[in-house]
Amino acid sequence: MDIPSRADALRLVQDWTASESLRKHMLAVECAMRAYATRLGEDVERWGLAGLIHDFDYERFPNDAQAADAEHPAEGVRHLRALGWPEDVCTAVLGHAHYTGVPRETRMAQALFAVDELTGLITACALVKPSKAVRDVDVPGVRKKMKDKAFARGVNRDDIVQGAEALGVPLDEHIAVVLTAMQGDAAALGLAGVAPSSPSTGPDGDA
């Protein structure tokens, strides 16, 4: 089945989402999905699209009530289906939210669920570094932050653990796959870090 182009998906993300942090989250999930598709010998473009588009409707339809068939992600998936998006991608997007009740029966759906919350945790770990760079994040540091319930409270730790288990990947290895992927695309994710501060200089170049 033909899949939309990445440009089409990116246009949807940009049209529906004003929040730069939410856009960056979708890019991070895309990045992680591409890494897992490569690792598992799956369709990299297809998996990447599922990651890129998974939260595109969240800003318009946040679904605080966690309704199974209304708002995010159901509303977005209705739009994707109307546009002719492939059903496996649509089902994976529905399945990344527990409350839809849609089972995660494909590797794509399982991976999307597994990487979603983890990318948020890794981003938070990077942003509290003095450098604000994901390159300075490591697996033990992520594990330590997972145990700190006060850190990045919005990240569901159980989803990360259960997601790795469903994929059959040890947790440290799962974190490493996603972290390495994000480090490889740090600039696009806004996680390349801040330039080190330098002493101010005078008009002749003297400090």
N, C-alpha and C. Protein backbone atom coordinates (compact mmCIF):
# COMPACT_ATOMS: atom_id res chain seq x y z
N MET A 1 0.85 -1.20 0.00
CA MET A 1 0.00 0.00 0.00
C MET A 1 0.88 1.24 0.00
N ASP A 2 0.54 2.21 -0.82
CA ASP A 2 1.30 3.46 -0.86
C ASP A 2 1.16 4.20 0.46
N ILE A 3 2.21 4.91 0.79
CA ILE A 3 2.16 5.72 2.01
C ILE A 3 2.34 7.19 1.63
N PRO A 4 1.81 8.09 2.44
CA PRO A 4 2.00 9.51 2.17
C PRO A 4 3.49 9.86 2.25
N SER A 5 3.85 10.98 1.71
CA SER A 5 5.24 11.42 1.81
C SER A 5 5.50 12.02 3.18
N ARG A 6 6.75 12.07 3.55
CA ARG A 6 7.10 12.71 4.83
C ARG A 6 6.70 14.19 4.79
N ALA A 7 6.83 14.81 3.63
CA ALA A 7 6.45 16.23 3.49
C ALA A 7 4.96 16.42 3.79
N ASP A 8 4.14 15.48 3.33
CA ASP A 8 2.70 15.54 3.61
C ASP A 8 2.45 15.45 5.12
N ALA A 9 3.14 14.51 5.76
CA ALA A 9 2.97 14.33 7.20
C ALA A 9 3.44 15.55 7.97
N LEU A 10 4.57 16.09 7.55
CA LEU A 10 5.11 17.27 8.24
C LEU A 10 4.18 18.46 8.08
N ARG A 11 3.55 18.56 6.92
CA ARG A 11 2.61 19.66 6.69
C ARG A 11 1.41 19.54 7.65
N LEU A 12 0.92 18.33 7.86
CA LEU A 12 -0.17 18.12 8.81
C LEU A 12 0.25 18.52 10.22
N VAL A 13 1.44 18.10 10.60
CA VAL A 13 1.96 18.44 11.92
C VAL A 13 2.03 19.95 12.10
N GLN A 14 2.54 20.63 11.10
CA GLN A 14 2.71 22.08 11.20
C GLN A 14 1.37 22.81 11.15
N ASP A 15 0.43 22.30 10.36
CA ASP A 15 -0.88 22.94 10.25
C ASP A 15 -1.70 22.78 11.54
N TRP A 16 -1.54 21.65 12.20
CA TRP A 16 -2.38 21.34 13.36
C TRP A 16 -1.72 21.68 14.69
N THR A 17 -0.42 21.88 14.71
CA THR A 17 0.30 22.02 15.97
C THR A 17 1.14 23.28 15.98
N ALA A 18 0.82 24.19 16.89
CA ALA A 18 1.60 25.43 17.01
C ALA A 18 2.76 25.27 18.00
N SER A 19 2.59 24.40 18.99
CA SER A 19 3.60 24.23 20.03
C SER A 19 4.90 23.66 19.48
N GLU A 20 5.97 24.40 19.67
CA GLU A 20 7.27 23.93 19.17
C GLU A 20 7.72 22.68 19.94
N SER A 21 7.44 22.63 21.23
CA SER A 21 7.87 21.47 22.02
C SER A 21 7.11 20.21 21.59
N LEU A 22 5.84 20.35 21.25
CA LEU A 22 5.07 19.18 20.79
C LEU A 22 5.55 18.75 19.41
N ARG A 23 5.85 19.70 18.55
CA ARG A 23 6.42 19.34 17.24
C ARG A 23 7.74 18.58 17.41
N LYS A 24 8.57 19.07 18.32
CA LYS A 24 9.87 18.41 18.57
C LYS A 24 9.65 17.01 19.13
N HIS A 25 8.63 16.85 19.96
CA HIS A 25 8.32 15.51 20.49
C HIS A 25 7.97 14.56 19.35
N MET A 26 7.16 15.00 18.42
CA MET A 26 6.79 14.13 17.30
C MET A 26 8.00 13.78 16.45
N LEU A 27 8.91 14.74 16.28
CA LEU A 27 10.15 14.47 15.54
C LEU A 27 11.01 13.45 16.29
N ALA A 28 11.03 13.55 17.61
CA ALA A 28 11.81 12.61 18.42
C ALA A 28 11.24 11.20 18.30
N VAL A 29 9.91 11.09 18.33
CA VAL A 29 9.28 9.78 18.21
C VAL A 29 9.52 9.22 16.80
N GLU A 30 9.46 10.08 15.79
CA GLU A 30 9.79 9.64 14.43
C GLU A 30 11.20 9.07 14.38
N CYS A 31 12.13 9.79 14.97
CA CYS A 31 13.53 9.39 14.99
C CYS A 31 13.69 8.01 15.65
N ALA A 32 13.04 7.83 16.79
CA ALA A 32 13.11 6.56 17.50
C ALA A 32 12.47 5.43 16.71
N MET A 33 11.35 5.73 16.05
CA MET A 33 10.68 4.71 15.24
C MET A 33 11.53 4.28 14.06
N ARG A 34 12.21 5.22 13.44
CA ARG A 34 13.11 4.88 12.34
C ARG A 34 14.23 3.96 12.82
N ALA A 35 14.74 4.25 14.02
CA ALA A 35 15.82 3.43 14.57
C ALA A 35 15.35 2.01 14.83
N TYR A 36 14.15 1.88 15.38
CA TYR A 36 13.63 0.54 15.65
C TYR A 36 13.29 -0.21 14.36
N ALA A 37 12.78 0.50 13.37
CA ALA A 37 12.48 -0.15 12.09
C ALA A 37 13.77 -0.70 11.47
N THR A 38 14.83 0.09 11.55
CA THR A 38 16.13 -0.36 11.04
C THR A 38 16.60 -1.59 11.80
N ARG A 39 16.49 -1.53 13.11
CA ARG A 39 16.93 -2.62 13.97
C ARG A 39 16.16 -3.91 13.69
N LEU A 40 14.85 -3.79 13.43
CA LEU A 40 14.00 -4.96 13.26
C LEU A 40 13.78 -5.36 11.80
N GLY A 41 14.43 -4.64 10.89
CA GLY A 41 14.28 -4.96 9.47
C GLY A 41 12.92 -4.63 8.90
N GLU A 42 12.30 -3.57 9.43
CA GLU A 42 10.98 -3.16 8.98
C GLU A 42 11.07 -1.95 8.05
N ASP A 43 9.91 -1.48 7.61
CA ASP A 43 9.83 -0.37 6.66
C ASP A 43 10.12 0.95 7.40
N VAL A 44 11.29 1.49 7.17
CA VAL A 44 11.75 2.67 7.92
C VAL A 44 10.85 3.88 7.67
N GLU A 45 10.47 4.11 6.43
CA GLU A 45 9.64 5.27 6.11
C GLU A 45 8.25 5.14 6.74
N ARG A 46 7.69 3.97 6.66
CA ARG A 46 6.34 3.75 7.20
C ARG A 46 6.33 3.93 8.72
N TRP A 47 7.31 3.34 9.37
CA TRP A 47 7.41 3.46 10.83
C TRP A 47 7.68 4.92 11.22
N GLY A 48 8.51 5.58 10.44
CA GLY A 48 8.80 6.98 10.73
C GLY A 48 7.56 7.84 10.64
N LEU A 49 6.72 7.58 9.64
CA LEU A 49 5.47 8.34 9.49
C LEU A 49 4.55 8.14 10.70
N ALA A 50 4.47 6.91 11.19
CA ALA A 50 3.63 6.65 12.36
C ALA A 50 4.10 7.47 13.56
N GLY A 51 5.42 7.55 13.72
CA GLY A 51 5.96 8.34 14.82
C GLY A 51 5.73 9.82 14.64
N LEU A 52 5.94 10.29 13.44
CA LEU A 52 5.82 11.72 13.16
C LEU A 52 4.39 12.22 13.35
N ILE A 53 3.42 11.39 13.00
CA ILE A 53 2.03 11.86 12.97
C ILE A 53 1.25 11.54 14.24
N HIS A 54 1.84 10.79 15.17
CA HIS A 54 1.04 10.18 16.24
C HIS A 54 0.32 11.17 17.15
N ASP A 55 0.86 12.38 17.31
CA ASP A 55 0.25 13.37 18.20
C ASP A 55 -0.21 14.63 17.46
N PHE A 56 -0.36 14.55 16.14
CA PHE A 56 -0.61 15.77 15.39
C PHE A 56 -1.91 16.47 15.78
N ASP A 57 -2.88 15.69 16.30
CA ASP A 57 -4.18 16.27 16.68
C ASP A 57 -4.27 16.63 18.16
N TYR A 58 -3.20 16.41 18.91
CA TYR A 58 -3.27 16.55 20.37
C TYR A 58 -3.58 17.97 20.82
N GLU A 59 -3.02 18.93 20.13
CA GLU A 59 -3.23 20.33 20.53
C GLU A 59 -4.70 20.75 20.33
N ARG A 60 -5.29 20.34 19.24
CA ARG A 60 -6.69 20.69 18.97
C ARG A 60 -7.67 19.87 19.82
N PHE A 61 -7.30 18.62 20.08
CA PHE A 61 -8.21 17.69 20.77
C PHE A 61 -7.47 16.97 21.90
N PRO A 62 -7.16 17.70 22.98
CA PRO A 62 -6.29 17.14 24.02
C PRO A 62 -6.85 15.94 24.78
N ASN A 63 -8.17 15.81 24.80
CA ASN A 63 -8.82 14.63 25.39
C ASN A 63 -8.47 14.42 26.87
N ASP A 64 -8.70 15.45 27.67
CA ASP A 64 -8.45 15.34 29.11
C ASP A 64 -9.31 14.25 29.76
N ALA A 65 -10.47 13.99 29.18
CA ALA A 65 -11.36 12.96 29.72
C ALA A 65 -10.95 11.55 29.30
N GLN A 66 -9.97 11.46 28.41
CA GLN A 66 -9.50 10.17 27.89
C GLN A 66 -10.66 9.33 27.32
N ALA A 67 -11.45 9.99 26.49
CA ALA A 67 -12.54 9.28 25.81
C ALA A 67 -11.97 8.38 24.73
N ALA A 68 -12.53 7.18 24.62
CA ALA A 68 -11.98 6.19 23.70
C ALA A 68 -12.17 6.56 22.24
N ASP A 69 -13.30 7.21 21.92
CA ASP A 69 -13.63 7.43 20.51
C ASP A 69 -13.88 8.90 20.20
N ALA A 70 -13.31 9.78 20.99
CA ALA A 70 -13.45 11.21 20.73
C ALA A 70 -12.11 11.88 21.04
N GLU A 71 -11.90 13.03 20.42
CA GLU A 71 -10.68 13.80 20.63
C GLU A 71 -9.43 12.95 20.28
N HIS A 72 -8.29 13.30 20.87
CA HIS A 72 -7.02 12.63 20.55
C HIS A 72 -7.00 11.21 21.10
N PRO A 73 -6.55 10.21 20.33
CA PRO A 73 -6.11 10.27 18.93
C PRO A 73 -7.21 9.92 17.93
N ALA A 74 -8.42 9.64 18.43
CA ALA A 74 -9.48 9.17 17.53
C ALA A 74 -9.83 10.21 16.46
N GLU A 75 -9.87 11.48 16.86
CA GLU A 75 -10.24 12.52 15.90
C GLU A 75 -9.19 12.63 14.81
N GLY A 76 -7.94 12.60 15.20
CA GLY A 76 -6.86 12.67 14.22
C GLY A 76 -6.88 11.50 13.26
N VAL A 77 -7.14 10.31 13.80
CA VAL A 77 -7.16 9.12 12.95
C VAL A 77 -8.33 9.17 11.97
N ARG A 78 -9.47 9.71 12.39
CA ARG A 78 -10.57 9.89 11.44
C ARG A 78 -10.13 10.76 10.26
N HIS A 79 -9.36 11.81 10.58
CA HIS A 79 -8.86 12.69 9.53
C HIS A 79 -7.87 11.95 8.63
N LEU A 80 -6.97 11.18 9.24
CA LEU A 80 -5.99 10.42 8.45
C LEU A 80 -6.68 9.42 7.53
N ARG A 81 -7.68 8.74 8.04
CA ARG A 81 -8.41 7.77 7.22
C ARG A 81 -9.11 8.46 6.05
N ALA A 82 -9.67 9.64 6.31
CA ALA A 82 -10.33 10.39 5.24
C ALA A 82 -9.34 10.79 4.15
N LEU A 83 -8.08 10.96 4.55
CA LEU A 83 -7.04 11.31 3.59
C LEU A 83 -6.45 10.09 2.90
N GLY A 84 -6.88 8.89 3.34
CA GLY A 84 -6.40 7.66 2.70
C GLY A 84 -5.13 7.09 3.29
N TRP A 85 -4.82 7.47 4.53
CA TRP A 85 -3.63 6.92 5.17
C TRP A 85 -3.80 5.43 5.39
N PRO A 86 -2.70 4.65 5.33
CA PRO A 86 -2.79 3.19 5.49
C PRO A 86 -3.30 2.80 6.86
N GLU A 87 -4.07 1.73 6.88
CA GLU A 87 -4.75 1.33 8.11
C GLU A 87 -3.78 0.88 9.20
N ASP A 88 -2.65 0.28 8.84
CA ASP A 88 -1.73 -0.17 9.88
C ASP A 88 -1.14 1.01 10.64
N VAL A 89 -0.91 2.11 9.94
CA VAL A 89 -0.41 3.32 10.60
C VAL A 89 -1.51 3.90 11.50
N CYS A 90 -2.73 3.97 10.98
CA CYS A 90 -3.85 4.51 11.76
C CYS A 90 -4.08 3.69 13.02
N THR A 91 -4.02 2.37 12.90
CA THR A 91 -4.25 1.51 14.06
C THR A 91 -3.14 1.66 15.09
N ALA A 92 -1.91 1.82 14.62
CA ALA A 92 -0.78 2.03 15.54
C ALA A 92 -0.95 3.34 16.30
N VAL A 93 -1.39 4.38 15.60
CA VAL A 93 -1.61 5.68 16.25
C VAL A 93 -2.71 5.56 17.31
N LEU A 94 -3.79 4.87 16.98
CA LEU A 94 -4.85 4.66 17.98
C LEU A 94 -4.32 3.88 19.19
N GLY A 95 -3.49 2.90 18.94
CA GLY A 95 -3.02 2.01 20.00
C GLY A 95 -2.01 2.64 20.94
N HIS A 96 -1.44 3.79 20.57
CA HIS A 96 -0.43 4.35 21.48
C HIS A 96 -1.06 4.97 22.72
N ALA A 97 -2.38 5.13 22.72
CA ALA A 97 -3.11 5.62 23.90
C ALA A 97 -3.88 4.45 24.52
N HIS A 98 -3.58 4.15 25.77
CA HIS A 98 -4.25 3.04 26.47
C HIS A 98 -5.76 3.10 26.34
N TYR A 99 -6.30 4.32 26.52
CA TYR A 99 -7.73 4.47 26.72
C TYR A 99 -8.57 4.21 25.46
N THR A 100 -7.94 4.09 24.29
CA THR A 100 -8.72 3.78 23.10
C THR A 100 -9.19 2.33 23.11
N GLY A 101 -8.48 1.49 23.85
CA GLY A 101 -8.81 0.08 23.88
C GLY A 101 -8.39 -0.67 22.63
N VAL A 102 -7.62 -0.01 21.75
CA VAL A 102 -7.17 -0.66 20.50
C VAL A 102 -5.91 -1.47 20.81
N PRO A 103 -5.94 -2.78 20.57
CA PRO A 103 -4.77 -3.60 20.90
C PRO A 103 -3.58 -3.29 19.98
N ARG A 104 -2.39 -3.43 20.55
CA ARG A 104 -1.16 -3.21 19.77
C ARG A 104 -0.68 -4.57 19.26
N GLU A 105 -1.15 -4.94 18.08
CA GLU A 105 -0.90 -6.28 17.56
C GLU A 105 0.27 -6.34 16.60
N THR A 106 0.71 -5.20 16.09
CA THR A 106 1.84 -5.20 15.15
C THR A 106 3.09 -4.69 15.85
N ARG A 107 4.24 -5.01 15.28
CA ARG A 107 5.50 -4.52 15.85
C ARG A 107 5.54 -2.99 15.78
N MET A 108 4.97 -2.43 14.72
CA MET A 108 4.93 -0.97 14.60
C MET A 108 4.17 -0.36 15.78
N ALA A 109 3.00 -0.90 16.07
CA ALA A 109 2.18 -0.38 17.16
C ALA A 109 2.89 -0.55 18.50
N GLN A 110 3.52 -1.69 18.70
CA GLN A 110 4.24 -1.94 19.95
C GLN A 110 5.41 -0.97 20.11
N ALA A 111 6.12 -0.73 19.03
CA ALA A 111 7.26 0.18 19.09
C ALA A 111 6.82 1.61 19.36
N LEU A 112 5.74 2.03 18.72
CA LEU A 112 5.26 3.39 18.92
C LEU A 112 4.90 3.62 20.38
N PHE A 113 4.23 2.68 20.98
CA PHE A 113 3.89 2.78 22.40
C PHE A 113 5.15 2.80 23.26
N ALA A 114 6.12 1.98 22.90
CA ALA A 114 7.32 1.83 23.71
C ALA A 114 8.21 3.07 23.70
N VAL A 115 8.26 3.76 22.57
CA VAL A 115 9.19 4.90 22.48
C VAL A 115 8.56 6.23 22.86
N ASP A 116 7.24 6.31 22.85
CA ASP A 116 6.55 7.59 23.02
C ASP A 116 6.94 8.30 24.32
N GLU A 117 6.70 7.66 25.45
CA GLU A 117 7.01 8.28 26.74
C GLU A 117 8.52 8.39 26.95
N LEU A 118 9.26 7.42 26.44
CA LEU A 118 10.71 7.42 26.65
C LEU A 118 11.38 8.63 25.99
N THR A 119 10.92 9.01 24.81
CA THR A 119 11.53 10.19 24.17
C THR A 119 11.30 11.44 25.02
N GLY A 120 10.13 11.51 25.67
CA GLY A 120 9.87 12.65 26.54
C GLY A 120 10.80 12.67 27.74
N LEU A 121 11.05 11.50 28.32
CA LEU A 121 11.95 11.42 29.47
C LEU A 121 13.37 11.80 29.07
N ILE A 122 13.83 11.29 27.93
CA ILE A 122 15.18 11.60 27.47
C ILE A 122 15.32 13.10 27.18
N THR A 123 14.30 13.68 26.57
CA THR A 123 14.32 15.13 26.31
C THR A 123 14.46 15.90 27.62
N ALA A 124 13.67 15.51 28.62
CA ALA A 124 13.73 16.18 29.92
C ALA A 124 15.10 16.01 30.56
N CYS A 125 15.69 14.82 30.43
CA CYS A 125 17.04 14.59 30.96
C CYS A 125 18.06 15.51 30.30
N ALA A 126 17.90 15.73 28.99
CA ALA A 126 18.84 16.60 28.27
C ALA A 126 18.69 18.05 28.70
N LEU A 127 17.45 18.48 28.89
CA LEU A 127 17.20 19.90 29.15
C LEU A 127 17.61 20.34 30.55
N VAL A 128 17.82 19.39 31.47
CA VAL A 128 18.31 19.78 32.80
C VAL A 128 19.84 19.74 32.88
N LYS A 129 20.49 19.28 31.82
CA LYS A 129 21.95 19.32 31.77
C LYS A 129 22.39 20.77 31.58
N PRO A 130 23.53 21.17 32.15
CA PRO A 130 24.03 22.54 31.92
C PRO A 130 24.17 22.85 30.43
N SER A 131 24.54 21.85 29.65
CA SER A 131 24.73 22.04 28.21
C SER A 131 23.42 22.01 27.44
N LYS A 132 22.36 21.48 28.08
CA LYS A 132 21.07 21.24 27.41
C LYS A 132 21.25 20.37 26.16
N ALA A 133 22.21 19.47 26.22
CA ALA A 133 22.54 18.63 25.06
C ALA A 133 22.25 17.17 25.35
N VAL A 134 21.60 16.51 24.40
CA VAL A 134 21.29 15.09 24.56
C VAL A 134 22.56 14.25 24.50
N ARG A 135 23.62 14.78 23.93
CA ARG A 135 24.88 14.03 23.88
C ARG A 135 25.42 13.75 25.29
N ASP A 136 25.02 14.57 26.26
CA ASP A 136 25.51 14.41 27.63
C ASP A 136 24.62 13.52 28.49
N VAL A 137 23.61 12.94 27.87
CA VAL A 137 22.72 12.00 28.57
C VAL A 137 23.24 10.58 28.36
N ASP A 138 23.18 9.75 29.40
CA ASP A 138 23.56 8.35 29.23
C ASP A 138 22.49 7.45 29.85
N VAL A 139 22.59 6.17 29.58
CA VAL A 139 21.55 5.23 30.02
C VAL A 139 21.42 5.20 31.55
N PRO A 140 22.53 5.11 32.31
CA PRO A 140 22.37 5.13 33.77
C PRO A 140 21.68 6.40 34.28
N GLY A 141 21.96 7.52 33.63
CA GLY A 141 21.31 8.77 34.03
C GLY A 141 19.80 8.73 33.79
N VAL A 142 19.40 8.14 32.67
CA VAL A 142 17.97 8.01 32.36
C VAL A 142 17.30 7.09 33.37
N ARG A 143 17.98 5.98 33.70
CA ARG A 143 17.42 5.05 34.69
C ARG A 143 17.25 5.73 36.05
N LYS A 144 18.23 6.55 36.40
CA LYS A 144 18.15 7.27 37.69
C LYS A 144 16.96 8.23 37.71
N LYS A 145 16.77 8.93 36.59
CA LYS A 145 15.65 9.87 36.52
C LYS A 145 14.30 9.15 36.48
N MET A 146 14.29 7.94 35.95
CA MET A 146 13.05 7.15 35.95
C MET A 146 12.58 6.89 37.37
N LYS A 147 13.53 6.70 38.28
CA LYS A 147 13.20 6.38 39.67
C LYS A 147 12.76 7.61 40.45
N ASP A 148 13.10 8.78 39.95
CA ASP A 148 12.75 10.03 40.62
C ASP A 148 11.36 10.47 40.15
N LYS A 149 10.36 10.15 40.94
CA LYS A 149 8.98 10.41 40.52
C LYS A 149 8.66 11.90 40.42
N ALA A 150 9.47 12.74 41.07
CA ALA A 150 9.23 14.18 41.00
C ALA A 150 9.76 14.78 39.70
N PHE A 151 10.60 14.03 39.00
CA PHE A 151 11.20 14.53 37.76
C PHE A 151 10.30 14.17 36.58
N ALA A 152 10.04 15.17 35.72
CA ALA A 152 9.21 14.94 34.52
C ALA A 152 7.96 14.14 34.88
N ARG A 153 7.15 14.71 35.76
CA ARG A 153 5.99 14.01 36.31
C ARG A 153 5.02 13.52 35.23
N GLY A 154 4.98 14.20 34.11
CA GLY A 154 4.04 13.82 33.06
C GLY A 154 4.42 12.57 32.31
N VAL A 155 5.63 12.08 32.52
CA VAL A 155 6.09 10.88 31.81
C VAL A 155 5.63 9.63 32.56
N ASN A 156 4.95 8.75 31.86
CA ASN A 156 4.44 7.52 32.46
C ASN A 156 5.53 6.45 32.42
N ARG A 157 6.14 6.19 33.57
CA ARG A 157 7.22 5.20 33.65
C ARG A 157 6.74 3.79 33.33
N ASP A 158 5.52 3.47 33.75
CA ASP A 158 5.01 2.13 33.50
C ASP A 158 4.91 1.85 32.00
N ASP A 159 4.51 2.86 31.23
CA ASP A 159 4.41 2.68 29.78
C ASP A 159 5.78 2.34 29.19
N ILE A 160 6.83 2.98 29.70
CA ILE A 160 8.17 2.71 29.19
C ILE A 160 8.57 1.26 29.48
N VAL A 161 8.35 0.83 30.71
CA VAL A 161 8.72 -0.53 31.11
C VAL A 161 7.89 -1.56 30.35
N GLN A 162 6.57 -1.34 30.32
CA GLN A 162 5.69 -2.30 29.63
C GLN A 162 5.96 -2.32 28.12
N GLY A 163 6.29 -1.16 27.57
CA GLY A 163 6.58 -1.09 26.15
C GLY A 163 7.80 -1.90 25.78
N ALA A 164 8.85 -1.78 26.59
CA ALA A 164 10.07 -2.55 26.33
C ALA A 164 9.79 -4.05 26.46
N GLU A 165 9.01 -4.41 27.47
CA GLU A 165 8.67 -5.83 27.66
C GLU A 165 7.91 -6.39 26.47
N ALA A 166 6.95 -5.60 25.95
CA ALA A 166 6.16 -6.07 24.81
C ALA A 166 7.02 -6.25 23.56
N LEU A 167 8.04 -5.42 23.44
CA LEU A 167 8.97 -5.55 22.31
C LEU A 167 9.96 -6.68 22.52
N GLY A 168 10.08 -7.13 23.76
CA GLY A 168 11.06 -8.17 24.07
C GLY A 168 12.48 -7.64 24.12
N VAL A 169 12.62 -6.37 24.49
CA VAL A 169 13.93 -5.74 24.56
C VAL A 169 14.23 -5.36 26.01
N PRO A 170 15.39 -5.75 26.56
CA PRO A 170 15.74 -5.35 27.92
C PRO A 170 15.68 -3.83 28.06
N LEU A 171 15.27 -3.36 29.23
CA LEU A 171 15.02 -1.93 29.41
C LEU A 171 16.24 -1.07 29.09
N ASP A 172 17.41 -1.45 29.58
CA ASP A 172 18.61 -0.64 29.30
C ASP A 172 18.90 -0.58 27.81
N GLU A 173 18.69 -1.69 27.14
CA GLU A 173 18.91 -1.74 25.69
C GLU A 173 17.89 -0.86 24.96
N HIS A 174 16.66 -0.91 25.43
CA HIS A 174 15.60 -0.08 24.85
C HIS A 174 15.95 1.40 24.98
N ILE A 175 16.36 1.79 26.18
CA ILE A 175 16.76 3.19 26.40
C ILE A 175 17.92 3.55 25.48
N ALA A 176 18.88 2.65 25.33
CA ALA A 176 20.06 2.92 24.50
C ALA A 176 19.68 3.11 23.03
N VAL A 177 18.75 2.30 22.53
CA VAL A 177 18.31 2.42 21.13
C VAL A 177 17.72 3.81 20.88
N VAL A 178 16.82 4.23 21.77
CA VAL A 178 16.14 5.51 21.59
C VAL A 178 17.09 6.67 21.83
N LEU A 179 17.92 6.56 22.86
CA LEU A 179 18.88 7.63 23.16
C LEU A 179 19.87 7.83 22.02
N THR A 180 20.40 6.74 21.49
CA THR A 180 21.36 6.84 20.38
C THR A 180 20.71 7.49 19.16
N ALA A 181 19.46 7.11 18.89
CA ALA A 181 18.75 7.69 17.75
C ALA A 181 18.58 9.20 17.94
N MET A 182 18.20 9.60 19.13
CA MET A 182 17.99 11.03 19.40
C MET A 182 19.31 11.80 19.37
N GLN A 183 20.36 11.19 19.84
CA GLN A 183 21.67 11.84 19.78
C GLN A 183 22.11 12.05 18.33
N GLY A 184 21.74 11.12 17.46
CA GLY A 184 22.11 11.23 16.06
C GLY A 184 21.32 12.29 15.31
N ASP A 185 20.23 12.76 15.89
CA ASP A 185 19.39 13.77 15.23
C ASP A 185 19.17 14.97 16.16
N ALA A 186 20.17 15.23 16.99
CA ALA A 186 20.02 16.22 18.07
C ALA A 186 19.65 17.61 17.59
N ALA A 187 20.26 18.06 16.50
CA ALA A 187 19.99 19.42 16.03
C ALA A 187 18.53 19.61 15.65
N ALA A 188 17.96 18.64 14.93
CA ALA A 188 16.57 18.73 14.50
C ALA A 188 15.62 18.69 15.70
N LEU A 189 16.05 18.05 16.77
CA LEU A 189 15.21 17.91 17.96
C LEU A 189 15.39 19.07 18.94
N GLY A 190 16.27 20.02 18.59
CA GLY A 190 16.53 21.14 19.49
C GLY A 190 17.34 20.74 20.71
N LEU A 191 18.10 19.65 20.59
CA LEU A 191 18.83 19.11 21.74
C LEU A 191 20.34 19.04 21.48
N ALA A 192 20.81 19.88 20.57
CA ALA A 192 22.24 19.90 20.29
C ALA A 192 23.01 20.68 21.36
N GLY A 193 22.28 21.40 22.19
CA GLY A 193 22.91 22.10 23.30
C GLY A 193 23.14 23.57 23.02
N VAL A 194 23.50 24.26 24.07
CA VAL A 194 23.79 25.69 23.96
C VAL A 194 25.29 25.88 23.78
N ALA A 195 25.66 26.94 23.07
CA ALA A 195 27.08 27.23 22.89
C ALA A 195 27.68 27.63 24.23
N PRO A 196 28.90 27.15 24.53
CA PRO A 196 29.51 27.54 25.80
C PRO A 196 29.72 29.04 25.86
N SER A 197 29.47 29.60 27.03
CA SER A 197 29.63 31.05 27.16
C SER A 197 31.11 31.40 27.14
N SER A 198 31.43 32.52 26.52
CA SER A 198 32.82 32.97 26.45
C SER A 198 32.93 34.33 27.12
N PRO A 199 34.09 34.65 27.64
CA PRO A 199 34.24 35.95 28.30
C PRO A 199 34.04 37.08 27.31
N SER A 200 33.47 38.17 27.79
CA SER A 200 33.25 39.30 26.90
C SER A 200 34.57 39.92 26.52
N THR A 201 34.63 40.45 25.33
CA THR A 201 35.89 41.02 24.82
C THR A 201 35.70 42.51 24.54
N GLY A 202 36.81 43.21 24.61
CA GLY A 202 36.80 44.63 24.33
C GLY A 202 36.87 44.91 22.86
N PRO A 203 36.89 46.16 22.46
CA PRO A 203 36.91 46.52 21.04
C PRO A 203 38.15 46.03 20.31
N ASP A 204 39.25 45.79 21.03
CA ASP A 204 40.47 45.31 20.39
C ASP A 204 40.62 43.81 20.49
N GLY A 205 39.53 43.17 20.96
CA GLY A 205 39.58 41.72 21.08
C GLY A 205 40.13 41.25 22.41
N ASP A 206 40.46 42.18 23.29
CA ASP A 206 40.97 41.80 24.60
C ASP A 206 39.82 41.59 25.58
N ALA A 207 39.96 40.60 26.41
CA ALA A 207 38.91 40.32 27.38
C ALA A 207 38.86 41.41 28.44
